[in-house]
Amino acid sequence: EELVLRGGTNAEIARRLRKSPRTVEHQLESAFRKLREFLDWPPNSPINAPR
């Protein structure tokens, strides 16, 4: 969570969590998609997970 808030890359987050960067990418995409839905933002809003 801290690395995401500080703008860490998917690779940095993956190393810290001992997961693959692709897994982190998918998990962040899912979290950001849910956040956009919760906030009722359009799908192409400025929040993007991939880095």
PDB file of N, CA and C in Angstrom:
ATOM      1  N   GLU A   1       0.829  -1.195   0.000  1.00  0.00           N
ATOM      2  CA  GLU A   1       0.000   0.000   0.000  1.00  0.00           C
ATOM      3  C   GLU A   1       0.872   1.257   0.000  1.00  0.00           C
ATOM      4  N   GLU A   2       1.871   1.274   0.831  1.00  0.00           N
ATOM      5  CA  GLU A   2       2.751   2.445   0.910  1.00  0.00           C
ATOM      6  C   GLU A   2       3.436   2.716  -0.423  1.00  0.00           C
ATOM      7  N   LEU A   3       3.918   1.659  -1.077  1.00  0.00           N
ATOM      8  CA  LEU A   3       4.585   1.850  -2.367  1.00  0.00           C
ATOM      9  C   LEU A   3       3.629   2.372  -3.426  1.00  0.00           C
ATOM     10  N   VAL A   4       2.395   1.958  -3.372  1.00  0.00           N
ATOM     11  CA  VAL A   4       1.405   2.454  -4.336  1.00  0.00           C
ATOM     12  C   VAL A   4       1.175   3.939  -4.096  1.00  0.00           C
ATOM     13  N   LEU A   5       0.992   4.312  -2.840  1.00  0.00           N
ATOM     14  CA  LEU A   5       0.739   5.715  -2.506  1.00  0.00           C
ATOM     15  C   LEU A   5       1.921   6.605  -2.857  1.00  0.00           C
ATOM     16  N   ARG A   6       3.127   6.066  -2.756  1.00  0.00           N
ATOM     17  CA  ARG A   6       4.331   6.849  -3.066  1.00  0.00           C
ATOM     18  C   ARG A   6       4.702   6.795  -4.543  1.00  0.00           C
ATOM     19  N   GLY A   7       3.920   6.086  -5.332  1.00  0.00           N
ATOM     20  CA  GLY A   7       4.176   6.036  -6.768  1.00  0.00           C
ATOM     21  C   GLY A   7       5.175   4.978  -7.187  1.00  0.00           C
ATOM     22  N   GLY A   8       5.318   3.925  -6.394  1.00  0.00           N
ATOM     23  CA  GLY A   8       6.231   2.844  -6.745  1.00  0.00           C
ATOM     24  C   GLY A   8       5.795   2.142  -8.020  1.00  0.00           C
ATOM     25  N   THR A   9       6.749   1.610  -8.738  1.00  0.00           N
ATOM     26  CA  THR A   9       6.430   0.889  -9.966  1.00  0.00           C
ATOM     27  C   THR A   9       5.860  -0.485  -9.625  1.00  0.00           C
ATOM     28  N   ASN A  10       5.221  -1.099 -10.604  1.00  0.00           N
ATOM     29  CA  ASN A  10       4.698  -2.448 -10.398  1.00  0.00           C
ATOM     30  C   ASN A  10       5.819  -3.407 -10.027  1.00  0.00           C
ATOM     31  N   ALA A  11       6.986  -3.250 -10.642  1.00  0.00           N
ATOM     32  CA  ALA A  11       8.122  -4.130 -10.351  1.00  0.00           C
ATOM     33  C   ALA A  11       8.585  -3.961  -8.904  1.00  0.00           C
ATOM     34  N   GLU A  12       8.639  -2.727  -8.419  1.00  0.00           N
ATOM     35  CA  GLU A  12       9.046  -2.482  -7.031  1.00  0.00           C
ATOM     36  C   GLU A  12       8.042  -3.087  -6.052  1.00  0.00           C
ATOM     37  N   ILE A  13       6.781  -2.893  -6.347  1.00  0.00           N
ATOM     38  CA  ILE A  13       5.730  -3.440  -5.488  1.00  0.00           C
ATOM     39  C   ILE A  13       5.793  -4.964  -5.499  1.00  0.00           C
ATOM     40  N   ALA A  14       5.989  -5.544  -6.673  1.00  0.00           N
ATOM     41  CA  ALA A  14       6.063  -7.003  -6.805  1.00  0.00           C
ATOM     42  C   ALA A  14       7.220  -7.577  -5.994  1.00  0.00           C
ATOM     43  N   ARG A  15       8.380  -6.937  -6.075  1.00  0.00           N
ATOM     44  CA  ARG A  15       9.528  -7.415  -5.286  1.00  0.00           C
ATOM     45  C   ARG A  15       9.214  -7.385  -3.797  1.00  0.00           C
ATOM     46  N   ARG A  16       8.610  -6.303  -3.356  1.00  0.00           N
ATOM     47  CA  ARG A  16       8.297  -6.151  -1.932  1.00  0.00           C
ATOM     48  C   ARG A  16       7.291  -7.201  -1.463  1.00  0.00           C
ATOM     49  N   LEU A  17       6.315  -7.513  -2.315  1.00  0.00           N
ATOM     50  CA  LEU A  17       5.267  -8.465  -1.948  1.00  0.00           C
ATOM     51  C   LEU A  17       5.582  -9.900  -2.355  1.00  0.00           C
ATOM     52  N   ARG A  18       6.711 -10.077  -3.042  1.00  0.00           N
ATOM     53  CA  ARG A  18       7.108 -11.396  -3.552  1.00  0.00           C
ATOM     54  C   ARG A  18       6.042 -11.977  -4.476  1.00  0.00           C
ATOM     55  N   LYS A  19       5.601 -11.126  -5.407  1.00  0.00           N
ATOM     56  CA  LYS A  19       4.641 -11.523  -6.435  1.00  0.00           C
ATOM     57  C   LYS A  19       5.227 -11.135  -7.776  1.00  0.00           C
ATOM     58  N   SER A  20       4.598 -11.602  -8.844  1.00  0.00           N
ATOM     59  CA  SER A  20       5.070 -11.210 -10.169  1.00  0.00           C
ATOM     60  C   SER A  20       4.549  -9.807 -10.489  1.00  0.00           C
ATOM     61  N   PRO A  21       5.303  -9.049 -11.296  1.00  0.00           N
ATOM     62  CA  PRO A  21       4.827  -7.721 -11.693  1.00  0.00           C
ATOM     63  C   PRO A  21       3.471  -7.782 -12.401  1.00  0.00           C
ATOM     64  N   ARG A  22       3.242  -8.829 -13.153  1.00  0.00           N
ATOM     65  CA  ARG A  22       1.964  -8.973 -13.865  1.00  0.00           C
ATOM     66  C   ARG A  22       0.806  -9.147 -12.876  1.00  0.00           C
ATOM     67  N   THR A  23       1.037  -9.901 -11.804  1.00  0.00           N
ATOM     68  CA  THR A  23       0.007 -10.073 -10.774  1.00  0.00           C
ATOM     69  C   THR A  23      -0.315  -8.736 -10.125  1.00  0.00           C
ATOM     70  N   VAL A  24       0.718  -7.978  -9.801  1.00  0.00           N
ATOM     71  CA  VAL A  24       0.523  -6.656  -9.203  1.00  0.00           C
ATOM     72  C   VAL A  24      -0.255  -5.767 -10.167  1.00  0.00           C
ATOM     73  N   GLU A  25       0.109  -5.807 -11.442  1.00  0.00           N
ATOM     74  CA  GLU A  25      -0.587  -4.999 -12.445  1.00  0.00           C
ATOM     75  C   GLU A  25      -2.079  -5.321 -12.466  1.00  0.00           C
ATOM     76  N   HIS A  26      -2.409  -6.612 -12.487  1.00  0.00           N
ATOM     77  CA  HIS A  26      -3.816  -7.022 -12.522  1.00  0.00           C
ATOM     78  C   HIS A  26      -4.550  -6.603 -11.248  1.00  0.00           C
ATOM     79  N   GLN A  27      -3.885  -6.761 -10.102  1.00  0.00           N
ATOM     80  CA  GLN A  27      -4.535  -6.400  -8.846  1.00  0.00           C
ATOM     81  C   GLN A  27      -4.776  -4.894  -8.753  1.00  0.00           C
ATOM     82  N   LEU A  28      -3.818  -4.099  -9.222  1.00  0.00           N
ATOM     83  CA  LEU A  28      -4.001  -2.646  -9.202  1.00  0.00           C
ATOM     84  C   LEU A  28      -5.070  -2.213 -10.199  1.00  0.00           C
ATOM     85  N   GLU A  29      -5.082  -2.829 -11.377  1.00  0.00           N
ATOM     86  CA  GLU A  29      -6.128  -2.511 -12.357  1.00  0.00           C
ATOM     87  C   GLU A  29      -7.503  -2.774 -11.764  1.00  0.00           C
ATOM     88  N   SER A  30      -7.642  -3.892 -11.073  1.00  0.00           N
ATOM     89  CA  SER A  30      -8.913  -4.238 -10.450  1.00  0.00           C
ATOM     90  C   SER A  30      -9.286  -3.222  -9.371  1.00  0.00           C
ATOM     91  N   ALA A  31      -8.325  -2.860  -8.545  1.00  0.00           N
ATOM     92  CA  ALA A  31      -8.588  -1.888  -7.476  1.00  0.00           C
ATOM     93  C   ALA A  31      -8.975  -0.530  -8.049  1.00  0.00           C
ATOM     94  N   PHE A  32      -8.257  -0.076  -9.077  1.00  0.00           N
ATOM     95  CA  PHE A  32      -8.568   1.220  -9.676  1.00  0.00           C
ATOM     96  C   PHE A  32      -9.920   1.193 -10.397  1.00  0.00           C
ATOM     97  N   ARG A  33     -10.250   0.066 -11.026  1.00  0.00           N
ATOM     98  CA  ARG A  33     -11.549  -0.066 -11.685  1.00  0.00           C
ATOM     99  C   ARG A  33     -12.672   0.045 -10.647  1.00  0.00           C
ATOM    100  N   LYS A  34     -12.507  -0.636  -9.515  1.00  0.00           N
ATOM    101  CA  LYS A  34     -13.513  -0.570  -8.454  1.00  0.00           C
ATOM    102  C   LYS A  34     -13.611   0.836  -7.877  1.00  0.00           C
ATOM    103  N   LEU A  35     -12.483   1.516  -7.745  1.00  0.00           N
ATOM    104  CA  LEU A  35     -12.486   2.890  -7.245  1.00  0.00           C
ATOM    105  C   LEU A  35     -13.240   3.813  -8.196  1.00  0.00           C
ATOM    106  N   ARG A  36     -12.974   3.661  -9.503  1.00  0.00           N
ATOM    107  CA  ARG A  36     -13.688   4.481 -10.491  1.00  0.00           C
ATOM    108  C   ARG A  36     -15.199   4.222 -10.428  1.00  0.00           C
ATOM    109  N   GLU A  37     -15.581   2.948 -10.295  1.00  0.00           N
ATOM    110  CA  GLU A  37     -17.004   2.615 -10.202  1.00  0.00           C
ATOM    111  C   GLU A  37     -17.614   3.221  -8.945  1.00  0.00           C
ATOM    112  N   PHE A  38     -16.899   3.129  -7.828  1.00  0.00           N
ATOM    113  CA  PHE A  38     -17.387   3.675  -6.569  1.00  0.00           C
ATOM    114  C   PHE A  38     -17.573   5.186  -6.661  1.00  0.00           C
ATOM    115  N   LEU A  39     -16.632   5.852  -7.315  1.00  0.00           N
ATOM    116  CA  LEU A  39     -16.689   7.309  -7.452  1.00  0.00           C
ATOM    117  C   LEU A  39     -17.547   7.746  -8.633  1.00  0.00           C
ATOM    118  N   ASP A  40     -18.049   6.762  -9.394  1.00  0.00           N
ATOM    119  CA  ASP A  40     -18.867   7.014 -10.581  1.00  0.00           C
ATOM    120  C   ASP A  40     -18.105   7.835 -11.620  1.00  0.00           C
ATOM    121  N   TRP A  41     -16.827   7.497 -11.800  1.00  0.00           N
ATOM    122  CA  TRP A  41     -15.994   8.147 -12.805  1.00  0.00           C
ATOM    123  C   TRP A  41     -16.051   7.344 -14.096  1.00  0.00           C
ATOM    124  N   PRO A  42     -15.854   7.993 -15.241  1.00  0.00           N
ATOM    125  CA  PRO A  42     -15.848   7.256 -16.507  1.00  0.00           C
ATOM    126  C   PRO A  42     -14.663   6.288 -16.575  1.00  0.00           C
ATOM    127  N   PRO A  43     -14.788   5.215 -17.359  1.00  0.00           N
ATOM    128  CA  PRO A  43     -13.723   4.211 -17.454  1.00  0.00           C
ATOM    129  C   PRO A  43     -12.369   4.768 -17.871  1.00  0.00           C
ATOM    130  N   ASN A  44     -12.326   5.816 -18.650  1.00  0.00           N
ATOM    131  CA  ASN A  44     -11.053   6.370 -19.117  1.00  0.00           C
ATOM    132  C   ASN A  44     -10.603   7.559 -18.286  1.00  0.00           C
ATOM    133  N   SER A  45     -10.972   7.569 -17.013  1.00  0.00           N
ATOM    134  CA  SER A  45     -10.569   8.665 -16.131  1.00  0.00           C
ATOM    135  C   SER A  45      -9.055   8.633 -15.925  1.00  0.00           C
ATOM    136  N   PRO A  46      -8.468   9.700 -15.383  1.00  0.00           N
ATOM    137  CA  PRO A  46      -7.009   9.791 -15.278  1.00  0.00           C
ATOM    138  C   PRO A  46      -6.345   8.779 -14.357  1.00  0.00           C
ATOM    139  N   ILE A  47      -7.085   8.049 -13.545  1.00  0.00           N
ATOM    140  CA  ILE A  47      -6.469   7.050 -12.673  1.00  0.00           C
ATOM    141  C   ILE A  47      -6.158   5.823 -13.516  1.00  0.00           C
ATOM    142  N   ASN A  48      -4.893   5.487 -13.631  1.00  0.00           N
ATOM    143  CA  ASN A  48      -4.465   4.315 -14.396  1.00  0.00           C
ATOM    144  C   ASN A  48      -3.479   3.514 -13.572  1.00  0.00           C
ATOM    145  N   ALA A  49      -3.618   2.197 -13.595  1.00  0.00           N
ATOM    146  CA  ALA A  49      -2.736   1.338 -12.830  1.00  0.00           C
ATOM    147  C   ALA A  49      -1.401   1.050 -13.488  1.00  0.00           C
ATOM    148  N   PRO A  50      -1.345   0.739 -14.785  1.00  0.00           N
ATOM    149  CA  PRO A  50      -0.057   0.331 -15.359  1.00  0.00           C
ATOM    150  C   PRO A  50       1.006   1.416 -15.264  1.00  0.00           C
ATOM    151  N   ARG A  51       2.231   0.992 -15.005  1.00  0.00           N
ATOM    152  CA  ARG A  51       3.377   1.905 -14.930  1.00  0.00           C
ATOM    153  C   ARG A  51       4.501   1.345 -15.750  1.00  0.00           C
TER     154      ARG A  51
END
